[in-house]
Protein backbone atom coordinates (compact mmCIF):
# COMPACT_ATOMS: atom_id res chain seq x y z
CA UNK A 1 87.76 61.79 100.09
CA UNK A 2 87.68 63.89 102.80
CA UNK A 3 86.94 67.32 103.48
CA UNK A 4 87.48 69.28 106.89
CA UNK A 5 85.71 73.19 106.63
CA UNK A 6 87.62 75.98 109.27
CA UNK A 7 86.01 79.33 110.22
CA UNK A 8 88.48 80.81 112.20
CA UNK A 9 88.28 83.54 114.49
CA UNK A 10 90.38 85.23 117.39
CA UNK A 11 89.33 82.77 119.88
CA UNK A 12 88.29 79.46 118.66
CA UNK A 13 87.30 78.21 114.91
CA UNK A 14 84.46 76.14 113.98
CA UNK A 15 85.05 72.82 112.25
CA UNK A 16 83.20 70.62 109.85
CA UNK A 17 84.22 67.03 108.34
CA UNK A 18 82.34 65.39 106.14
CA UNK A 19 83.52 63.00 102.59
CA UNK A 20 82.94 62.92 99.39
CA UNK A 21 79.89 61.15 99.92
CA UNK A 22 78.55 63.85 101.64
CA UNK A 23 78.42 61.88 104.88
CA UNK A 24 78.94 64.11 108.22
CA UNK A 25 82.00 62.31 110.08
CA UNK A 26 82.04 65.29 112.57
CA UNK A 27 79.18 67.86 113.07
CA UNK A 28 80.11 71.20 113.30
CA UNK A 29 82.12 71.28 116.50
CA UNK A 30 84.40 74.27 117.74
CA UNK A 31 88.17 73.69 119.16
CA UNK A 32 90.09 76.81 120.98
CA UNK A 33 93.12 79.01 119.39
CA UNK A 34 95.24 77.07 121.28
CA UNK A 35 97.80 74.02 121.01
CA UNK A 36 95.44 71.48 122.62
CA UNK A 37 92.39 72.65 120.39
CA UNK A 38 94.39 71.90 116.93
CA UNK A 39 95.76 68.23 118.36
CA UNK A 40 92.00 68.22 119.03
CA UNK A 41 91.27 68.58 115.63
CA UNK A 42 94.06 66.39 113.81
CA UNK A 43 93.26 63.72 115.66
CA UNK A 44 89.58 63.79 114.99
CA UNK A 45 91.13 64.17 111.38
CA UNK A 46 93.10 61.22 111.92
CA UNK A 47 90.46 59.36 112.92
CA UNK A 48 88.90 59.76 109.50
CA UNK A 49 92.08 59.67 107.84
CA UNK A 50 93.75 56.80 105.88
CA UNK A 51 95.81 58.69 103.66
CA UNK A 52 96.72 62.11 103.71
CA UNK A 53 96.98 62.46 99.77
CA UNK A 54 92.51 62.31 100.12
CA UNK A 55 92.35 64.85 102.14
CA UNK A 56 91.57 68.37 102.26
CA UNK A 57 91.24 71.05 104.77
CA UNK A 58 89.25 74.49 103.72
CA UNK A 59 89.44 77.89 105.50
CA UNK A 60 88.68 81.55 104.67
CA UNK A 61 91.62 84.66 104.45
CA UNK A 62 91.24 86.01 107.64
CA UNK A 63 94.93 87.14 108.08
CA UNK A 64 96.58 87.08 111.35
CA UNK A 65 94.04 85.11 112.92
CA UNK A 66 94.44 82.04 110.63
CA UNK A 67 98.53 82.19 110.66
CA UNK A 68 99.26 80.34 113.60
CA UNK A 69 96.24 77.52 112.55
CA UNK A 70 97.88 77.13 109.29
CA UNK A 71 101.41 76.64 110.07
CA UNK A 72 100.71 73.82 111.98
CA UNK A 73 98.35 72.26 109.24
CA UNK A 74 100.79 72.43 107.18
CA UNK A 75 103.39 70.94 109.29
CA UNK A 76 101.34 68.26 109.74
CA UNK A 77 101.36 68.18 106.17
CA UNK A 78 97.82 68.43 104.96
CA UNK A 79 96.63 69.90 101.99
CA UNK A 80 95.34 73.34 102.93
CA UNK A 81 93.08 75.64 100.77
CA UNK A 82 92.54 79.76 101.80
CA UNK A 83 89.68 80.47 100.10
CA UNK A 84 88.78 84.19 99.76
CA UNK A 85 86.23 85.04 101.78
CA UNK A 86 84.14 86.76 98.91
CA UNK A 87 84.02 83.66 97.11
CA UNK A 88 82.70 81.93 100.21
CA UNK A 89 80.02 84.80 100.82
CA UNK A 90 78.82 84.34 97.07
CA UNK A 91 79.03 80.83 97.33
CA UNK A 92 76.47 80.77 100.69
CA UNK A 93 74.18 82.87 99.16
CA UNK A 94 74.03 80.16 95.80
CA UNK A 95 73.25 77.34 98.30
CA UNK A 96 70.00 78.90 99.91
CA UNK A 97 67.20 81.83 99.88
CA UNK A 98 67.66 82.49 103.44
CA UNK A 99 69.44 84.90 104.81
CA UNK A 100 71.61 82.31 107.79
CA UNK A 101 75.01 83.10 108.60
CA UNK A 102 76.80 81.23 111.30
CA UNK A 103 80.22 79.68 112.14
CA UNK A 104 78.57 76.62 112.10
CA UNK A 105 76.96 77.34 109.08
CA UNK A 106 79.97 78.92 107.56
CA UNK A 107 82.67 75.88 108.35
CA UNK A 108 80.09 73.82 106.51
CA UNK A 109 79.58 75.99 103.67
CA UNK A 110 83.98 76.08 103.28
CA UNK A 111 83.11 72.22 103.43
CA UNK A 112 80.86 72.20 100.42
CA UNK A 113 82.98 74.64 98.18
CA UNK A 114 86.20 72.33 98.89
CA UNK A 115 83.62 69.54 97.37
CA UNK A 116 82.84 71.36 94.41
CA UNK A 117 85.31 73.34 93.71
CA UNK A 118 88.22 71.30 91.70
CA UNK A 119 90.41 74.14 90.62
CA UNK A 120 91.09 75.67 94.18
CA UNK A 121 94.69 75.78 94.54
CA UNK A 122 96.01 74.13 98.13
CA UNK A 123 98.14 76.53 100.48
CA UNK A 124 101.67 75.20 99.25
CA UNK A 125 104.82 75.57 102.32
CA UNK A 126 106.57 78.23 99.53
CA UNK A 127 103.32 80.80 100.31
CA UNK A 128 103.44 79.47 104.47
CA UNK A 129 106.75 81.07 104.79
CA UNK A 130 106.66 83.59 102.09
CA UNK A 131 104.67 85.43 104.66
CA UNK A 132 107.70 86.20 106.37
CA UNK A 133 108.23 88.49 103.40
CA UNK A 134 105.41 89.83 102.93
CA UNK A 135 105.02 91.24 106.56
CA UNK A 136 108.74 93.05 106.54
CA UNK A 137 106.72 95.00 103.48
CA UNK A 138 104.07 95.55 104.76
CA UNK A 139 105.54 96.99 107.36
CA UNK A 140 108.14 98.63 105.38
CA UNK A 141 104.86 100.27 103.62
CA UNK A 142 103.23 101.80 106.83
CA UNK A 143 106.40 103.15 107.72
CA UNK A 144 106.83 105.26 104.31
CA UNK A 145 103.73 106.27 104.47
CA UNK A 146 103.78 107.35 108.93
CA UNK A 147 107.03 109.40 107.22
CA UNK A 148 105.68 111.04 105.07
CA UNK A 149 102.48 112.35 107.17
CA UNK A 150 105.38 113.92 109.26
CA UNK A 151 107.39 115.04 106.40
CA UNK A 152 103.82 116.99 105.26
CA UNK A 153 103.81 118.59 109.19
CA UNK A 154 107.86 119.65 108.44
CA UNK A 155 106.84 121.25 105.75
CA UNK A 156 103.71 123.28 107.59
CA UNK A 157 105.38 123.90 110.61
CA UNK A 158 108.31 125.11 108.46
CA UNK A 159 105.75 127.56 106.34
CA UNK A 160 104.83 129.28 110.28
CA UNK A 161 108.07 129.43 111.29
CA UNK A 162 110.83 130.47 108.84
CA UNK A 163 108.54 129.81 104.84
CA UNK A 164 111.32 132.06 103.57
CA UNK A 165 113.94 128.79 104.09
CA UNK A 166 111.81 126.56 101.04
CA UNK A 167 113.24 128.69 98.61
CA UNK A 168 116.62 128.39 99.37
CA UNK A 169 117.46 124.84 99.52
CA UNK A 170 116.24 122.29 96.59
CA UNK A 171 113.89 120.43 99.55
CA UNK A 172 112.94 120.82 103.36
CA UNK A 173 113.64 117.27 103.50
CA UNK A 174 117.69 116.97 103.40
CA UNK A 175 119.59 116.33 106.12
CA UNK A 176 121.61 119.56 106.10
CA UNK A 177 118.26 121.01 106.87
CA UNK A 178 117.10 118.81 109.61
CA UNK A 179 120.20 119.34 111.24
CA UNK A 180 119.51 123.15 110.96
CA UNK A 181 116.22 123.04 112.23
CA UNK A 182 116.73 120.75 115.36
CA UNK A 183 119.44 122.96 116.67
CA UNK A 184 117.67 126.09 115.02
CA UNK A 185 114.12 125.63 115.33
CA UNK A 186 112.74 129.10 113.97
CA UNK A 187 113.63 132.47 112.19
CA UNK A 188 114.50 134.09 115.44
CA UNK A 189 116.68 131.39 116.14
CA UNK A 190 118.62 131.18 113.13
CA UNK A 191 118.62 135.33 113.22
CA UNK A 192 120.47 135.34 116.35
CA UNK A 193 122.60 132.24 116.09
CA UNK A 194 126.65 132.75 115.99
CA UNK A 195 127.62 132.81 112.41
CA UNK A 196 131.06 129.95 113.39
CA UNK A 197 127.85 127.40 114.42
CA UNK A 198 126.05 127.81 111.83
CA UNK A 199 128.68 127.66 109.52
CA UNK A 200 130.00 124.50 110.68
CA UNK A 201 126.78 122.44 111.74
CA UNK A 202 125.83 123.13 107.85
CA UNK A 203 128.80 122.51 106.57
CA UNK A 204 129.39 118.79 108.99
CA UNK A 205 125.72 118.10 108.28
CA UNK A 206 125.72 118.39 103.75
CA UNK A 207 129.70 116.89 103.83
CA UNK A 208 131.32 120.34 103.06
CA UNK A 209 128.32 121.29 100.17
CA UNK A 210 127.59 124.37 102.25
CA UNK A 211 130.04 127.19 104.22
CA UNK A 212 129.80 130.18 105.44
CA UNK A 213 128.24 131.96 102.33
CA UNK A 214 125.09 129.61 102.43
CA UNK A 215 125.34 130.23 106.52
CA UNK A 216 125.28 134.24 105.93
CA UNK A 217 122.34 133.51 103.62
CA UNK A 218 120.42 131.94 105.98
CA UNK A 219 120.65 134.46 108.84
CA UNK A 220 119.94 137.25 106.35
CA UNK A 221 117.00 135.42 105.27
CA UNK A 222 115.93 134.68 108.32
CA UNK A 223 116.55 138.61 109.80
CA UNK A 224 113.93 139.59 107.26
CA UNK A 225 111.58 136.67 107.77
CA UNK A 226 107.98 136.88 108.43
CA UNK A 227 108.24 133.89 110.45
CA UNK A 228 106.30 133.28 113.85
CA UNK A 229 108.01 133.38 117.21
CA UNK A 230 106.33 130.54 118.45
CA UNK A 231 107.76 128.43 120.70
CA UNK A 232 105.18 125.15 121.13
CA UNK A 233 105.79 124.98 116.80
CA UNK A 234 109.54 125.01 117.00
CA UNK A 235 109.15 122.39 119.93
CA UNK A 236 106.38 120.23 117.55
CA UNK A 237 108.80 120.75 114.83
CA UNK A 238 111.71 119.85 116.45
CA UNK A 239 109.90 116.44 117.89
CA UNK A 240 108.35 115.96 114.53
CA UNK A 241 112.41 115.83 112.88
CA UNK A 242 113.57 113.28 115.34
CA UNK A 243 110.49 111.12 114.72
CA UNK A 244 111.21 111.02 111.08
CA UNK A 245 115.15 110.28 111.91
CA UNK A 246 113.38 107.58 113.74
CA UNK A 247 111.75 106.34 110.89
CA UNK A 248 114.32 106.38 108.61
CA UNK A 249 116.45 103.99 110.31
CA UNK A 250 113.64 101.72 111.01
CA UNK A 251 113.25 101.60 107.47
CA UNK A 252 116.83 101.30 106.64
CA UNK A 253 116.45 97.97 109.52
CA UNK A 254 113.30 97.00 107.59
CA UNK A 255 115.12 97.00 104.23
CA UNK A 256 118.37 95.10 105.14
CA UNK A 257 116.29 92.50 106.09
CA UNK A 258 114.09 92.49 102.98
CA UNK A 259 117.24 92.21 100.76
CA UNK A 260 118.58 88.93 102.73
CA UNK A 261 115.29 87.29 102.39
CA UNK A 262 115.76 88.19 98.27
CA UNK A 263 119.35 87.40 98.02
CA UNK A 264 118.23 83.99 99.16
CA UNK A 265 115.15 83.81 96.74
CA UNK A 266 117.25 84.85 94.03
CA UNK A 267 114.28 86.09 91.66
CA UNK A 268 114.04 86.96 88.45
CA UNK A 269 111.87 89.35 89.00
CA UNK A 270 115.32 91.58 90.17
CA UNK A 271 116.08 91.43 86.43
CA UNK A 272 113.58 93.51 85.14
CA UNK A 273 115.03 97.44 84.23
CA UNK A 274 113.55 99.24 86.49
CA UNK A 275 112.16 96.79 89.41
CA UNK A 276 114.58 97.28 92.76
CA UNK A 277 114.80 94.51 95.14
CA UNK A 278 112.23 97.03 97.14
CA UNK A 279 109.44 96.59 94.50
CA UNK A 280 110.44 93.70 93.60
CA UNK A 281 110.20 92.48 97.11
CA UNK A 282 106.49 93.71 97.40
CA UNK A 283 105.47 92.01 93.99
CA UNK A 284 106.95 88.43 94.74
CA UNK A 285 105.56 88.67 98.64
CA UNK A 286 101.71 89.80 97.30
CA UNK A 287 101.40 86.99 95.01
CA UNK A 288 103.47 84.25 96.78
CA UNK A 289 103.53 81.47 95.28
CA UNK A 290 103.20 81.47 91.53
CA UNK A 291 101.93 77.65 91.07
CA UNK A 292 98.99 79.35 92.08
CA UNK A 293 97.78 81.13 89.04
CA UNK A 294 97.15 79.37 85.92
CA UNK A 295 97.44 82.53 84.06
CA UNK A 296 98.62 86.28 84.53
CA UNK A 297 95.13 87.09 83.72
CA UNK A 298 94.50 85.50 87.16
CA UNK A 299 96.97 87.45 88.89
CA UNK A 300 95.30 90.80 87.50
CA UNK A 301 92.17 89.79 88.75
CA UNK A 302 93.86 88.98 92.32
CA UNK A 303 95.40 92.71 92.49
CA UNK A 304 92.07 94.26 91.35
CA UNK A 305 93.42 95.30 87.27
CA UNK A 306 90.43 93.22 85.71
CA UNK A 307 88.15 95.44 84.55
CA UNK A 308 84.33 95.31 86.07
CA UNK A 309 82.12 94.56 83.30
CA UNK A 310 78.01 95.43 83.41
CA UNK A 311 75.67 94.57 80.80
CA UNK A 312 71.96 93.44 80.85
CA UNK A 313 69.90 93.51 78.11
CA UNK A 314 69.81 96.48 75.89
CA UNK A 315 72.11 98.43 79.35
CA UNK A 316 75.92 97.84 78.26
CA UNK A 317 78.35 99.64 80.30
CA UNK A 318 79.77 101.77 77.91
CA UNK A 319 83.05 102.62 80.29
CA UNK A 320 84.68 99.22 82.53
CA UNK A 321 86.36 100.28 85.42
CA UNK A 322 88.81 98.90 87.11
CA UNK A 323 87.31 96.51 89.74
CA UNK A 324 89.61 97.03 92.59
CA UNK A 325 88.33 93.83 94.93
CA UNK A 326 92.06 92.56 95.33
CA UNK A 327 95.37 93.33 97.02
CA UNK A 328 95.98 97.33 97.92
CA UNK A 329 99.62 96.40 98.41
CA UNK A 330 99.90 94.20 95.13
CA UNK A 331 97.97 96.87 93.49
CA UNK A 332 100.11 99.88 94.26
CA UNK A 333 102.77 97.66 93.71
CA UNK A 334 102.74 97.06 90.30
CA UNK A 335 101.69 99.83 89.21
CA UNK A 336 104.70 102.18 90.88
CA UNK A 337 107.00 99.14 89.57
CA UNK A 338 105.44 99.56 85.99
CA UNK A 339 106.41 103.52 85.90
CA UNK A 340 109.99 103.16 86.70
CA UNK A 341 109.56 100.04 84.06
CA UNK A 342 108.26 102.15 81.50
CA UNK A 343 111.20 104.73 82.20
CA UNK A 344 114.32 102.44 82.42
CA UNK A 345 113.31 99.93 79.61
CA UNK A 346 113.13 101.50 75.94
CA UNK A 347 110.75 98.41 75.07
CA UNK A 348 108.22 99.72 77.96
CA UNK A 349 108.10 103.70 77.06
CA UNK A 350 107.80 102.46 74.08
CA UNK A 351 104.68 100.71 74.41
CA UNK A 352 103.58 103.77 77.24
CA UNK A 353 103.90 106.31 74.52
CA UNK A 354 102.22 104.36 72.14
CA UNK A 355 99.24 104.12 74.40
CA UNK A 356 99.64 107.55 75.09
CA UNK A 357 99.39 108.59 71.30
CA UNK A 358 95.82 106.76 70.91
CA UNK A 359 94.41 109.34 73.20
CA UNK A 360 94.93 106.95 76.77
CA UNK A 361 94.96 108.76 79.75
CA UNK A 362 98.15 108.14 81.47
CA UNK A 363 96.76 106.15 84.67
CA UNK A 364 95.05 103.99 81.13
CA UNK A 365 97.98 103.86 79.65
CA UNK A 366 99.80 102.64 82.55
CA UNK A 367 97.51 100.01 83.92
CA UNK A 368 98.22 98.58 79.89
CA UNK A 369 102.27 98.43 80.95
CA UNK A 370 101.10 96.51 83.95
CA UNK A 371 99.08 93.78 82.62
CA UNK A 372 102.16 93.40 80.15
CA UNK A 373 104.46 93.36 83.06
CA UNK A 374 102.45 90.92 84.60
CA UNK A 375 102.78 89.02 81.96
CA UNK A 376 106.21 89.32 81.54
CA UNK A 377 106.95 88.87 85.37
CA UNK A 378 105.12 85.80 85.10
CA UNK A 379 107.07 84.36 82.43
CA UNK A 380 109.69 84.63 84.16
CA UNK A 381 109.07 83.21 88.02
CA UNK A 382 107.36 80.21 85.99
CA UNK A 383 110.91 79.13 83.59
CA UNK A 384 112.65 80.91 86.31
CA UNK A 385 114.83 82.72 84.17
CA UNK A 386 116.17 86.25 83.80
CA UNK A 387 115.37 89.14 81.49
CA UNK A 388 118.77 87.97 79.45
CA UNK A 389 118.12 84.45 79.46
CA UNK A 390 114.63 85.20 78.09
CA UNK A 391 115.31 87.63 75.45
CA UNK A 392 118.32 84.77 74.30
CA UNK A 393 115.50 82.03 74.47
CA UNK A 394 113.87 80.81 71.28
CA UNK A 395 110.00 81.66 71.22
CA UNK A 396 108.12 77.92 71.55
CA UNK A 397 104.35 77.26 69.52
CA UNK A 398 103.64 80.39 67.49
CA UNK A 399 100.13 81.57 68.63
CA UNK A 400 100.96 80.49 72.24
CA UNK A 401 100.76 84.13 73.67
CA UNK A 402 100.70 83.17 77.78
CA UNK A 403 103.39 81.28 77.40
CA UNK A 404 105.52 83.01 74.58
CA UNK A 405 109.56 83.43 75.53
CA UNK A 406 110.02 87.09 74.68
CA UNK A 407 108.90 90.11 76.82
CA UNK A 408 108.89 91.87 73.68
CA UNK A 409 106.13 90.06 71.77
CA UNK A 410 104.11 90.59 74.64
CA UNK A 411 104.67 94.38 73.74
CA UNK A 412 103.69 94.16 70.32
CA UNK A 413 100.32 92.51 70.88
CA UNK A 414 97.20 95.28 71.24
């Protein structure tokens, strides 16, 4: 067996090649992060390789720096393993007490890990192409977060310019209010607005919901407003609303692309009540290839939902806290998806109520429901069954909890 360890960087990569007899085939060498460098690496591998199935290539998960090299290796058909940097760091420290860390040492450490860790899962072609969905869901996440900040700014500016408006509408963040504030960005502007113009604006933007009576209410309130007349703040408000509307358009475009991919994937996760294609896409994108995980517990650990335990001698941590060391995106998606599932699915709702009745805090109870949801998702994805199909199936061997078909069986477990 041939083992290749690669330490990835922005402009170059350090590589080390050895075999199962610990014979160094190529001492640590450096390749540039370009096609010539990739070809040089492959030629060296090819020169010592008899069979592609007897090759293992390992590299750390370093975000976008490793993406192009990873794609090249997968296209060449080389079994490639993406390793968590935390594992690499702990493994390197276990080999020596010396605090030695260089790129070449890291490359050798990764090769050594491949030799010793038989439980590593290779990075599949499915995982690589799943990066497209992950890029879209993370891009949407960032855009939504950016829009939320801008909406907070709108609330702040309205509180300065026209504070009475917030009590006249269900929410400031609706099309009719944005249309009003884009045209009349302060109480003074609304107070001096022509009634016909104000009525037509509100009627058109609200699709007939607001008419002349609402326009009169708005104008009368503006005339009695304590809002400040600050042209600079009014300009900021108009620009902020414009940015929000642009973000709305961008988010819609991103969601359309996500929906196209989700329709192609046809994931059974969407059959779970309460999970729509946006949240489902985020979960699928972050988990990637389900075959990488031997059990639902591995997915929970990957998301950072595993409890941290500390015990030494007579010291025993009374309260196990969540680790939060995994993918924050997956943790966010699972937590929010579980809240919706607990709202729409009676079985999950009953389980959440049961945990709350035991005196658990809401967030703790939700974390228990997350574990059950992950088990259901893992089963549906592994069997490629929808929720309805799974409920109609007959449970397998009694006691085989990890492979139990019916989701309600998961929920009845303590």
